Every structure is written in C-alpha cells, then in structure tokens.
Amino acid sequence: MAITASMVKELRERTGAGMMECKKALTEADGNIETAIEELRKRGAAQADKKAGRIAAEGLIVAASQNDVSVLLEVNCETDFVAKDENFVAFANLLGQSILAQRPESIDALASLVLDSGISVEETRQNLIAKIGENISVRRFEVLSAGEGQLSIYQHGARIAVAVLSSGGDEDLGRDIAMHVAASRPLCVSADQVDPKTVEKERGIYLAQAEDSGKPPEIMEKMVEGRVRKFLGEVTLLGQPFVKDPDQTVGKLLTAQNATVSRFVRYEVGEGLEKKQDDFVAEVMAQAKGD
C-alpha cells in the first residue's frame, strides 16, 4: 500500500513521533494506522528502557494549588535545554494537576494513574522519552493541606519551590517566610527537630577544635556549647536571620506577629543527584553507534 503524506501527518499528530519513524511504522504496518500506533508505542517503551540508566539531574519543580491544597513536584530530565521544552513542561504541569485531582500516595501510584488521554502516566512518560530523546524521571512529590492554618507557596523560577504551613500572621508574612526558606535553606523549623546524630557530630568537631586551643576544660565546654548554639541557629528556620531584615531572626519576626510555622517543604531541582559530566567524544561515538 502506498504511504501518503497525509497518513504520515495523521500518525505524527496522534503519536508525536518523528516523520521518518512514522513513515517506517506505516510501511511495516502496510498503511494500517492503528497497527502503526501500536508499533510506535512498543518502540517507545523499548527506547525508554534503553535510556532509563542515564542520569537525569536537570528538570523543573511544579507548584500547583487547588483550594487549600498544594502539591510540590520534581520532574527530571538530562539537560536544561529539555527542561524548557514545551512538551516536557506540559507533561510536568499535567502531573501536578493529576496529583491534585487524584491524590496518589506514592511515585508508583502516580505512575499507574490513567490520564484523560486514556493511557497511564508511566506510558505517557515513556512516549515522551521516545519523542524527546532523553531520560525523564518523576522523582518526588508532596501534597500539603492548609487544614486549620495557612498554606503559603513561593516559587523561584522553575528550579526552586517552597510551601510553608503556618498559623497567625497574614498572606504577606507567609510568602515572606516561604521566600526566606527558598533563599536560606534551613534544615527544619526549630532546634529540637535537628537530627541528634548531626548535633553530636558537630559537637565532636567543635570539641576537637577546642582541645587544640589548650584552654581549661570549663572554658572549652563553653566554647563547644556556644558553637553548637550557633550551628543550630544557622540551620533552623527560627534561628536564622530574616533575609529581608537580618537584624532580627525569623523566630523573633514570627513572635512579634503572633504567628507560628509548623512545617515547610523546599524542593530544588537536582539536589542530592549526581549531575552528568558531558563527554563530547563519547556522545558522538554513541550517536554513531545508534545509542
């Protein structure tokens, strides 16, 4: 059967695959578009499996809200170029809205959700990998509900987003605190929430430093405790100097406005992931081999 340009166009519109891929699939399917679609989907899954081992440390953070519920979501790709691709951005935003609507409890549950297109999130992800040519992963998400308090969201571009749960104060204060968290990266809200192992590790370092000073034991103890307090102030939200007014801590700012923060979530693209080191020669060789 002769493969016409209109058939290729229809297949491209329905699958998003490249022109040559569509023509090849139609030829193999003897012009049957439904069979060609099925074959392209199979190839897409195979390509997704092939790219799955590649490091995806770029991407974007989605912050989506509906009524008093918000979601933060990180979706990764391999390069910042693809992170700006309209298809990738649309996929990430679609996932944010799907999480708000269906409230999956895990990444696996999210992958199994069926979208309005009639196919699952996982199959949609694999099709997008085949179309874009990079590994794409849905790394993490968190759903937050305001409950009896206030939920404030701050997003810095597409790479950082923060959600803060608070009570008291107003919307401006909530946004200011979220902005502070984005800029200052506190580990937790208050000193009692810092992992005791982390505190003891720091204490051990400060003790070793104090012992080198040759000062009396009681002086060394005061030096160590002072440094521990300073450390706790630096890593906790309440102890940090407020970014818009460094003369006061966030804790004092909240107290002055009869407000409290119970929790915050801060997402930044790629944090904790090993980023890909580009090797131009290896990339050219891989393309030559058809990888």
C-alpha atoms as a PDB file:
ATOM      1  CA  MET A   1       0.000   0.000   0.000  1.00  0.00           C
ATOM      2  CA  ALA A   2       1.303   3.459  -0.890  1.00  0.00           C
ATOM      3  CA  ILE A   3       2.124   5.597   2.160  1.00  0.00           C
ATOM      4  CA  THR A   4       0.859   9.144   1.602  1.00  0.00           C
ATOM      5  CA  ALA A   5       1.973  12.379   3.231  1.00  0.00           C
ATOM      6  CA  SER A   6      -1.455  12.789   4.845  1.00  0.00           C
ATOM      7  CA  MET A   7      -1.135   9.365   6.523  1.00  0.00           C
ATOM      8  CA  VAL A   8       2.287  10.297   7.912  1.00  0.00           C
ATOM      9  CA  LYS A   9       0.886  13.642   9.092  1.00  0.00           C
ATOM     10  CA  GLU A  10      -2.027  11.963  10.889  1.00  0.00           C
ATOM     11  CA  LEU A  11       0.273   9.452  12.598  1.00  0.00           C
ATOM     12  CA  ARG A  12       2.654  12.224  13.702  1.00  0.00           C
ATOM     13  CA  GLU A  13      -0.230  14.222  15.170  1.00  0.00           C
ATOM     14  CA  ARG A  14      -1.556  11.205  17.066  1.00  0.00           C
ATOM     15  CA  THR A  15       1.782   9.948  18.415  1.00  0.00           C
ATOM     16  CA  GLY A  16       4.233  12.862  18.390  1.00  0.00           C
ATOM     17  CA  ALA A  17       6.833  10.602  16.778  1.00  0.00           C
ATOM     18  CA  GLY A  18       9.268  11.824  14.110  1.00  0.00           C
ATOM     19  CA  MET A  19       8.350  11.856  10.417  1.00  0.00           C
ATOM     20  CA  MET A  20      10.756   9.064   9.418  1.00  0.00           C
ATOM     21  CA  GLU A  21       9.651   6.913  12.350  1.00  0.00           C
ATOM     22  CA  CYS A  22       6.027   7.371  11.292  1.00  0.00           C
ATOM     23  CA  LYS A  23       6.738   6.541   7.664  1.00  0.00           C
ATOM     24  CA  LYS A  24       8.687   3.434   8.651  1.00  0.00           C
ATOM     25  CA  ALA A  25       5.943   2.242  11.016  1.00  0.00           C
ATOM     26  CA  LEU A  26       3.252   2.794   8.379  1.00  0.00           C
ATOM     27  CA  THR A  27       5.275   0.919   5.788  1.00  0.00           C
ATOM     28  CA  GLU A  28       5.762  -2.035   8.125  1.00  0.00           C
ATOM     29  CA  ALA A  29       2.042  -1.942   9.020  1.00  0.00           C
ATOM     30  CA  ASP A  30       1.037  -1.811   5.324  1.00  0.00           C
ATOM     31  CA  GLY A  31      -0.692   1.523   5.875  1.00  0.00           C
ATOM     32  CA  ASN A  32      -2.750   0.467   8.907  1.00  0.00           C
ATOM     33  CA  ILE A  33      -2.554   3.471  11.233  1.00  0.00           C
ATOM     34  CA  GLU A  34      -3.763   1.631  14.351  1.00  0.00           C
ATOM     35  CA  THR A  35      -1.129  -1.073  13.890  1.00  0.00           C
ATOM     36  CA  ALA A  36       1.499   1.599  13.291  1.00  0.00           C
ATOM     37  CA  ILE A  37       0.480   3.371  16.515  1.00  0.00           C
ATOM     38  CA  GLU A  38       0.823   0.138  18.469  1.00  0.00           C
ATOM     39  CA  GLU A  39       4.268  -0.495  16.999  1.00  0.00           C
ATOM     40  CA  LEU A  40       5.444   3.037  17.784  1.00  0.00           C
ATOM     41  CA  ARG A  41       4.260   2.630  21.374  1.00  0.00           C
ATOM     42  CA  LYS A  42       6.234  -0.606  21.657  1.00  0.00           C
ATOM     43  CA  ARG A  43       9.326   1.098  20.278  1.00  0.00           C
ATOM     44  CA  GLY A  44       8.818   3.997  22.665  1.00  0.00           C
ATOM     45  CA  ALA A  45       8.817   1.652  25.645  1.00  0.00           C
ATOM     46  CA  ALA A  46      11.975  -0.040  24.363  1.00  0.00           C
ATOM     47  CA  GLN A  47      13.707   3.308  23.910  1.00  0.00           C
ATOM     48  CA  ALA A  48      12.599   4.387  27.378  1.00  0.00           C
ATOM     49  CA  ASP A  49      14.120   1.250  28.888  1.00  0.00           C
ATOM     50  CA  LYS A  50      17.353   1.916  26.991  1.00  0.00           C
ATOM     51  CA  LYS A  51      17.620   5.467  28.316  1.00  0.00           C
ATOM     52  CA  ALA A  52      16.494   4.659  31.869  1.00  0.00           C
ATOM     53  CA  GLY A  53      20.040   4.279  33.195  1.00  0.00           C
ATOM     54  CA  ARG A  54      21.129   7.744  32.116  1.00  0.00           C
ATOM     55  CA  ILE A  55      21.387  10.382  34.825  1.00  0.00           C
ATOM     56  CA  ALA A  56      18.515  12.866  34.885  1.00  0.00           C
ATOM     57  CA  ALA A  57      19.513  15.715  37.211  1.00  0.00           C
ATOM     58  CA  GLU A  58      18.021  18.708  35.404  1.00  0.00           C
ATOM     59  CA  GLY A  59      14.330  19.434  35.107  1.00  0.00           C
ATOM     60  CA  LEU A  60      11.793  21.592  36.889  1.00  0.00           C
ATOM     61  CA  ILE A  61       9.722  21.979  40.029  1.00  0.00           C
ATOM     62  CA  VAL A  62       5.952  22.312  39.712  1.00  0.00           C
ATOM     63  CA  ALA A  63       3.943  24.082  42.416  1.00  0.00           C
ATOM     64  CA  ALA A  64       0.223  23.587  41.881  1.00  0.00           C
ATOM     65  CA  SER A  65      -2.662  24.579  44.173  1.00  0.00           C
ATOM     66  CA  GLN A  66      -6.382  23.971  44.410  1.00  0.00           C
ATOM     67  CA  ASN A  67      -8.447  25.466  47.219  1.00  0.00           C
ATOM     68  CA  ASP A  68      -6.463  24.818  50.426  1.00  0.00           C
ATOM     69  CA  VAL A  69      -4.307  22.008  48.997  1.00  0.00           C
ATOM     70  CA  SER A  70      -0.973  22.361  47.196  1.00  0.00           C
ATOM     71  CA  VAL A  71       1.497  19.982  45.624  1.00  0.00           C
ATOM     72  CA  LEU A  72       5.223  20.311  45.015  1.00  0.00           C
ATOM     73  CA  LEU A  73       6.573  18.020  42.313  1.00  0.00           C
ATOM     74  CA  GLU A  74      10.013  17.412  40.807  1.00  0.00           C
ATOM     75  CA  VAL A  75      10.312  16.014  37.290  1.00  0.00           C
ATOM     76  CA  ASN A  76      13.819  15.440  35.919  1.00  0.00           C
ATOM     77  CA  CYS A  77      15.476  15.273  32.524  1.00  0.00           C
ATOM     78  CA  GLU A  78      19.099  15.160  31.396  1.00  0.00           C
ATOM     79  CA  THR A  79      19.681  18.706  30.120  1.00  0.00           C
ATOM     80  CA  ASP A  80      18.442  22.205  30.903  1.00  0.00           C
ATOM     81  CA  PHE A  81      17.539  22.541  27.214  1.00  0.00           C
ATOM     82  CA  VAL A  82      14.891  19.828  27.517  1.00  0.00           C
ATOM     83  CA  ALA A  83      13.776  21.304  30.860  1.00  0.00           C
ATOM     84  CA  LYS A  84      12.443  24.241  28.805  1.00  0.00           C
ATOM     85  CA  ASP A  85      10.872  22.081  26.086  1.00  0.00           C
ATOM     86  CA  GLU A  86       7.130  22.756  25.846  1.00  0.00           C
ATOM     87  CA  ASN A  87       6.288  19.038  25.757  1.00  0.00           C
ATOM     88  CA  PHE A  88       8.330  18.364  28.905  1.00  0.00           C
ATOM     89  CA  VAL A  89       6.844  21.378  30.704  1.00  0.00           C
ATOM     90  CA  ALA A  90       3.312  20.352  29.689  1.00  0.00           C
ATOM     91  CA  PHE A  91       3.917  16.809  30.991  1.00  0.00           C
ATOM     92  CA  ALA A  92       5.164  18.115  34.357  1.00  0.00           C
ATOM     93  CA  ASN A  93       2.232  20.512  34.739  1.00  0.00           C
ATOM     94  CA  LEU A  94      -0.214  17.755  33.794  1.00  0.00           C
ATOM     95  CA  LEU A  95       1.234  15.566  36.548  1.00  0.00           C
ATOM     96  CA  GLY A  96       0.838  18.378  39.082  1.00  0.00           C
ATOM     97  CA  GLN A  97      -2.847  18.747  38.239  1.00  0.00           C
ATOM     98  CA  SER A  98      -3.337  14.960  38.233  1.00  0.00           C
ATOM     99  CA  ILE A  99      -1.826  14.679  41.720  1.00  0.00           C
ATOM    100  CA  LEU A 100      -4.183  17.398  42.987  1.00  0.00           C
ATOM    101  CA  ALA A 101      -7.184  15.663  41.439  1.00  0.00           C
ATOM    102  CA  GLN A 102      -6.435  12.027  42.313  1.00  0.00           C
ATOM    103  CA  ARG A 103      -4.073  12.253  45.322  1.00  0.00           C
ATOM    104  CA  PRO A 104      -1.781   9.244  44.710  1.00  0.00           C
ATOM    105  CA  GLU A 105       0.177   8.192  47.784  1.00  0.00           C
ATOM    106  CA  SER A 106       3.469   7.321  46.097  1.00  0.00           C
ATOM    107  CA  ILE A 107       5.502   7.626  42.911  1.00  0.00           C
ATOM    108  CA  ASP A 108       4.427   4.105  41.932  1.00  0.00           C
ATOM    109  CA  ALA A 109       0.778   5.023  42.452  1.00  0.00           C
ATOM    110  CA  LEU A 110       1.279   8.166  40.379  1.00  0.00           C
ATOM    111  CA  ALA A 111       2.837   6.150  37.558  1.00  0.00           C
ATOM    112  CA  SER A 112      -0.289   3.983  37.426  1.00  0.00           C
ATOM    113  CA  LEU A 113      -2.756   6.867  37.152  1.00  0.00           C
ATOM    114  CA  VAL A 114      -4.728   6.945  33.918  1.00  0.00           C
ATOM    115  CA  LEU A 115      -4.781  10.385  32.290  1.00  0.00           C
ATOM    116  CA  ASP A 116      -7.549  11.938  30.190  1.00  0.00           C
ATOM    117  CA  SER A 117      -5.697  10.639  27.129  1.00  0.00           C
ATOM    118  CA  GLY A 118      -6.648   7.123  28.217  1.00  0.00           C
ATOM    119  CA  ILE A 119      -3.081   5.997  28.906  1.00  0.00           C
ATOM    120  CA  SER A 120      -1.157   5.880  32.150  1.00  0.00           C
ATOM    121  CA  VAL A 121       1.364   8.381  33.478  1.00  0.00           C
ATOM    122  CA  GLU A 122       4.114   5.771  33.027  1.00  0.00           C
ATOM    123  CA  GLU A 123       3.223   5.109  29.398  1.00  0.00           C
ATOM    124  CA  THR A 124       2.997   8.853  28.772  1.00  0.00           C
ATOM    125  CA  ARG A 125       6.454   9.262  30.294  1.00  0.00           C
ATOM    126  CA  GLN A 126       7.895   6.534  28.089  1.00  0.00           C
ATOM    127  CA  ASN A 127       6.325   8.049  24.980  1.00  0.00           C
ATOM    128  CA  LEU A 128       7.827  11.412  25.884  1.00  0.00           C
ATOM    129  CA  ILE A 129      11.265   9.820  26.302  1.00  0.00           C
ATOM    130  CA  ALA A 130      10.949   8.352  22.810  1.00  0.00           C
ATOM    131  CA  LYS A 131       9.902  11.719  21.413  1.00  0.00           C
ATOM    132  CA  ILE A 132      12.454  13.938  23.182  1.00  0.00           C
ATOM    133  CA  GLY A 133      15.372  11.500  23.276  1.00  0.00           C
ATOM    134  CA  GLU A 134      16.345  11.964  26.927  1.00  0.00           C
ATOM    135  CA  ASN A 135      15.695  10.029  30.094  1.00  0.00           C
ATOM    136  CA  ILE A 136      12.814  11.559  32.061  1.00  0.00           C
ATOM    137  CA  SER A 137      12.005  10.647  35.646  1.00  0.00           C
ATOM    138  CA  VAL A 138       9.350  11.660  38.139  1.00  0.00           C
ATOM    139  CA  ARG A 139      11.480  11.963  41.250  1.00  0.00           C
ATOM    140  CA  ARG A 140       9.232  13.071  44.121  1.00  0.00           C
ATOM    141  CA  PHE A 141       6.131  14.953  45.124  1.00  0.00           C
ATOM    142  CA  GLU A 142       4.463  16.146  48.307  1.00  0.00           C
ATOM    143  CA  VAL A 143       0.852  17.113  48.930  1.00  0.00           C
ATOM    144  CA  LEU A 144       0.168  19.680  51.658  1.00  0.00           C
ATOM    145  CA  SER A 145      -3.151  20.761  53.133  1.00  0.00           C
ATOM    146  CA  ALA A 146      -3.674  24.019  54.998  1.00  0.00           C
ATOM    147  CA  GLY A 147      -6.064  22.422  57.491  1.00  0.00           C
ATOM    148  CA  GLU A 148      -6.792  24.987  60.216  1.00  0.00           C
ATOM    149  CA  GLY A 149      -3.781  27.116  59.285  1.00  0.00           C
ATOM    150  CA  GLN A 150      -2.410  28.914  56.263  1.00  0.00           C
ATOM    151  CA  LEU A 151      -0.554  27.455  53.286  1.00  0.00           C
ATOM    152  CA  SER A 152       1.911  29.770  51.544  1.00  0.00           C
ATOM    153  CA  ILE A 153       3.714  28.981  48.282  1.00  0.00           C
ATOM    154  CA  TYR A 154       6.764  30.686  46.820  1.00  0.00           C
ATOM    155  CA  GLN A 155       8.338  29.658  43.525  1.00  0.00           C
ATOM    156  CA  HIS A 156      11.680  30.955  42.273  1.00  0.00           C
ATOM    157  CA  GLY A 157      11.682  30.331  38.554  1.00  0.00           C
ATOM    158  CA  ALA A 158      11.207  26.682  37.650  1.00  0.00           C
ATOM    159  CA  ARG A 159      14.026  25.331  39.826  1.00  0.00           C
ATOM    160  CA  ILE A 160      13.007  26.100  43.436  1.00  0.00           C
ATOM    161  CA  ALA A 161       9.656  25.990  45.186  1.00  0.00           C
ATOM    162  CA  VAL A 162       8.688  26.211  48.850  1.00  0.00           C
ATOM    163  CA  ALA A 163       5.479  25.509  50.743  1.00  0.00           C
ATOM    164  CA  VAL A 164       5.030  26.779  54.306  1.00  0.00           C
ATOM    165  CA  LEU A 165       2.319  25.777  56.778  1.00  0.00           C
ATOM    166  CA  SER A 166       1.708  28.473  59.380  1.00  0.00           C
ATOM    167  CA  SER A 167      -0.893  29.981  61.666  1.00  0.00           C
ATOM    168  CA  GLY A 168      -1.360  33.627  62.621  1.00  0.00           C
ATOM    169  CA  GLY A 169       0.078  36.437  60.562  1.00  0.00           C
ATOM    170  CA  ASP A 170      -1.153  37.323  57.095  1.00  0.00           C
ATOM    171  CA  GLU A 171      -0.548  36.251  53.498  1.00  0.00           C
ATOM    172  CA  ASP A 172       2.397  38.622  53.105  1.00  0.00           C
ATOM    173  CA  LEU A 173       4.139  37.144  56.135  1.00  0.00           C
ATOM    174  CA  GLY A 174       3.573  33.611  54.872  1.00  0.00           C
ATOM    175  CA  ARG A 175       5.030  34.469  51.482  1.00  0.00           C
ATOM    176  CA  ASP A 176       7.999  36.221  53.118  1.00  0.00           C
ATOM    177  CA  ILE A 177       8.752  33.146  55.197  1.00  0.00           C
ATOM    178  CA  ALA A 178       8.496  30.915  52.121  1.00  0.00           C
ATOM    179  CA  MET A 179      10.847  33.250  50.259  1.00  0.00           C
ATOM    180  CA  HIS A 180      13.269  33.121  53.196  1.00  0.00           C
ATOM    181  CA  VAL A 181      13.249  29.300  53.127  1.00  0.00           C
ATOM    182  CA  ALA A 182      13.973  29.356  49.384  1.00  0.00           C
ATOM    183  CA  ALA A 183      16.977  31.626  49.910  1.00  0.00           C
ATOM    184  CA  SER A 184      18.414  30.350  53.215  1.00  0.00           C
ATOM    185  CA  ARG A 185      17.789  26.581  53.025  1.00  0.00           C
ATOM    186  CA  PRO A 186      17.059  25.785  56.676  1.00  0.00           C
ATOM    187  CA  LEU A 187      17.058  22.077  57.534  1.00  0.00           C
ATOM    188  CA  CYS A 188      13.997  22.268  59.768  1.00  0.00           C
ATOM    189  CA  VAL A 189      11.807  24.678  61.739  1.00  0.00           C
ATOM    190  CA  SER A 190      13.360  24.531  65.224  1.00  0.00           C
ATOM    191  CA  ALA A 191      16.420  23.223  67.077  1.00  0.00           C
ATOM    192  CA  ASP A 192      14.558  20.285  68.633  1.00  0.00           C
ATOM    193  CA  GLN A 193      13.891  18.930  65.120  1.00  0.00           C
ATOM    194  CA  VAL A 194      17.579  18.682  64.147  1.00  0.00           C
ATOM    195  CA  ASP A 195      18.787  15.081  63.979  1.00  0.00           C
ATOM    196  CA  PRO A 196      20.631  14.331  67.290  1.00  0.00           C
ATOM    197  CA  LYS A 197      23.316  12.472  65.321  1.00  0.00           C
ATOM    198  CA  THR A 198      24.009  15.609  63.330  1.00  0.00           C
ATOM    199  CA  VAL A 199      24.300  17.667  66.524  1.00  0.00           C
ATOM    200  CA  GLU A 200      26.672  15.155  68.126  1.00  0.00           C
ATOM    201  CA  LYS A 201      28.806  15.063  65.002  1.00  0.00           C
ATOM    202  CA  GLU A 202      29.161  18.842  65.071  1.00  0.00           C
ATOM    203  CA  ARG A 203      29.815  18.779  68.811  1.00  0.00           C
ATOM    204  CA  GLY A 204      32.658  16.304  68.278  1.00  0.00           C
ATOM    205  CA  ILE A 205      34.236  18.552  65.648  1.00  0.00           C
ATOM    206  CA  TYR A 206      33.991  21.614  67.902  1.00  0.00           C
ATOM    207  CA  LEU A 207      35.439  19.676  70.856  1.00  0.00           C
ATOM    208  CA  ALA A 208      38.467  18.612  68.802  1.00  0.00           C
ATOM    209  CA  GLN A 209      38.984  22.216  67.745  1.00  0.00           C
ATOM    210  CA  ALA A 210      38.662  23.434  71.351  1.00  0.00           C
ATOM    211  CA  GLU A 211      41.169  20.871  72.623  1.00  0.00           C
ATOM    212  CA  ASP A 212      43.738  22.248  70.199  1.00  0.00           C
ATOM    213  CA  SER A 213      43.351  25.658  71.847  1.00  0.00           C
ATOM    214  CA  GLY A 214      44.935  24.441  75.098  1.00  0.00           C
ATOM    215  CA  LYS A 215      42.331  26.235  77.219  1.00  0.00           C
ATOM    216  CA  PRO A 216      40.992  24.868  80.574  1.00  0.00           C
ATOM    217  CA  PRO A 217      38.206  22.225  80.352  1.00  0.00           C
ATOM    218  CA  GLU A 218      35.473  24.567  81.639  1.00  0.00           C
ATOM    219  CA  ILE A 219      36.369  27.170  79.008  1.00  0.00           C
ATOM    220  CA  MET A 220      36.457  24.525  76.280  1.00  0.00           C
ATOM    221  CA  GLU A 221      32.994  23.333  77.309  1.00  0.00           C
ATOM    222  CA  LYS A 222      31.612  26.855  76.984  1.00  0.00           C
ATOM    223  CA  MET A 223      33.310  27.239  73.601  1.00  0.00           C
ATOM    224  CA  VAL A 224      31.764  23.995  72.347  1.00  0.00           C
ATOM    225  CA  GLU A 225      28.258  24.807  73.583  1.00  0.00           C
ATOM    226  CA  GLY A 226      28.471  28.280  72.075  1.00  0.00           C
ATOM    227  CA  ARG A 227      29.419  26.849  68.685  1.00  0.00           C
ATOM    228  CA  VAL A 228      26.644  24.263  68.883  1.00  0.00           C
ATOM    229  CA  ARG A 229      24.099  27.019  69.559  1.00  0.00           C
ATOM    230  CA  LYS A 230      25.463  28.990  66.622  1.00  0.00           C
ATOM    231  CA  PHE A 231      25.212  25.918  64.377  1.00  0.00           C
ATOM    232  CA  LEU A 232      21.597  25.303  65.417  1.00  0.00           C
ATOM    233  CA  GLY A 233      20.781  28.924  64.682  1.00  0.00           C
ATOM    234  CA  GLU A 234      22.290  28.654  61.222  1.00  0.00           C
ATOM    235  CA  VAL A 235      20.402  25.500  60.170  1.00  0.00           C
ATOM    236  CA  THR A 236      16.959  26.153  61.690  1.00  0.00           C
ATOM    237  CA  LEU A 237      14.282  28.457  60.332  1.00  0.00           C
ATOM    238  CA  LEU A 238      13.573  30.115  63.688  1.00  0.00           C
ATOM    239  CA  GLY A 239      17.250  30.754  64.375  1.00  0.00           C
ATOM    240  CA  GLN A 240      18.242  32.226  61.021  1.00  0.00           C
ATOM    241  CA  PRO A 241      18.463  35.990  60.428  1.00  0.00           C
ATOM    242  CA  PHE A 242      15.434  37.002  58.356  1.00  0.00           C
ATOM    243  CA  VAL A 243      16.563  37.683  54.774  1.00  0.00           C
ATOM    244  CA  LYS A 244      14.592  40.928  54.476  1.00  0.00           C
ATOM    245  CA  ASP A 245      15.755  42.202  57.885  1.00  0.00           C
ATOM    246  CA  PRO A 246      18.955  40.466  59.083  1.00  0.00           C
ATOM    247  CA  ASP A 247      18.850  42.376  62.383  1.00  0.00           C
ATOM    248  CA  GLN A 248      16.135  40.010  63.633  1.00  0.00           C
ATOM    249  CA  THR A 249      15.707  36.261  63.460  1.00  0.00           C
ATOM    250  CA  VAL A 250      12.744  34.599  61.811  1.00  0.00           C
ATOM    251  CA  GLY A 251      11.717  33.394  65.275  1.00  0.00           C
ATOM    252  CA  LYS A 252      11.523  36.954  66.608  1.00  0.00           C
ATOM    253  CA  LEU A 253       9.651  38.102  63.499  1.00  0.00           C
ATOM    254  CA  LEU A 254       7.021  35.393  63.985  1.00  0.00           C
ATOM    255  CA  THR A 255       6.684  36.135  67.705  1.00  0.00           C
ATOM    256  CA  ALA A 256       6.159  39.829  67.013  1.00  0.00           C
ATOM    257  CA  GLN A 257       3.268  38.969  64.702  1.00  0.00           C
ATOM    258  CA  ASN A 258       1.790  36.226  66.906  1.00  0.00           C
ATOM    259  CA  ALA A 259       2.493  33.673  64.206  1.00  0.00           C
ATOM    260  CA  THR A 260       3.988  30.183  64.151  1.00  0.00           C
ATOM    261  CA  VAL A 261       5.332  27.857  61.459  1.00  0.00           C
ATOM    262  CA  SER A 262       4.575  24.170  61.866  1.00  0.00           C
ATOM    263  CA  ARG A 263       6.208  22.837  58.723  1.00  0.00           C
ATOM    264  CA  PHE A 264       7.825  23.695  55.416  1.00  0.00           C
ATOM    265  CA  VAL A 265       8.854  21.783  52.306  1.00  0.00           C
ATOM    266  CA  ARG A 266      11.600  23.044  49.999  1.00  0.00           C
ATOM    267  CA  TYR A 267      12.304  21.459  46.604  1.00  0.00           C
ATOM    268  CA  GLU A 268      15.238  22.360  44.374  1.00  0.00           C
ATOM    269  CA  VAL A 269      15.932  20.694  41.037  1.00  0.00           C
ATOM    270  CA  GLY A 270      18.578  18.010  41.223  1.00  0.00           C
ATOM    271  CA  GLU A 271      19.546  18.442  44.872  1.00  0.00           C
ATOM    272  CA  GLY A 272      21.347  15.315  46.015  1.00  0.00           C
ATOM    273  CA  LEU A 273      21.665  13.931  42.487  1.00  0.00           C
ATOM    274  CA  GLU A 274      24.935  13.386  40.664  1.00  0.00           C
ATOM    275  CA  LYS A 275      24.925  15.534  37.568  1.00  0.00           C
ATOM    276  CA  LYS A 276      26.012  14.233  34.197  1.00  0.00           C
ATOM    277  CA  GLN A 277      29.523  15.157  33.105  1.00  0.00           C
ATOM    278  CA  ASP A 278      29.412  15.855  29.394  1.00  0.00           C
ATOM    279  CA  ASP A 279      31.869  13.902  27.268  1.00  0.00           C
ATOM    280  CA  PHE A 280      31.633  15.199  23.705  1.00  0.00           C
ATOM    281  CA  VAL A 281      33.721  12.398  22.165  1.00  0.00           C
ATOM    282  CA  ALA A 282      31.680   9.702  23.910  1.00  0.00           C
ATOM    283  CA  GLU A 283      28.457  11.408  22.864  1.00  0.00           C
ATOM    284  CA  VAL A 284      29.499  11.469  19.210  1.00  0.00           C
ATOM    285  CA  MET A 285      30.547   7.817  19.360  1.00  0.00           C
ATOM    286  CA  ALA A 286      27.259   6.850  20.986  1.00  0.00           C
ATOM    287  CA  GLN A 287      25.300   8.600  18.259  1.00  0.00           C
ATOM    288  CA  ALA A 288      27.397   6.912  15.590  1.00  0.00           C
ATOM    289  CA  LYS A 289      26.552   3.541  17.139  1.00  0.00           C
ATOM    290  CA  GLY A 290      22.858   4.435  17.294  1.00  0.00           C
ATOM    291  CA  ASP A 291      22.649   4.578  21.126  1.00  0.00           C
END
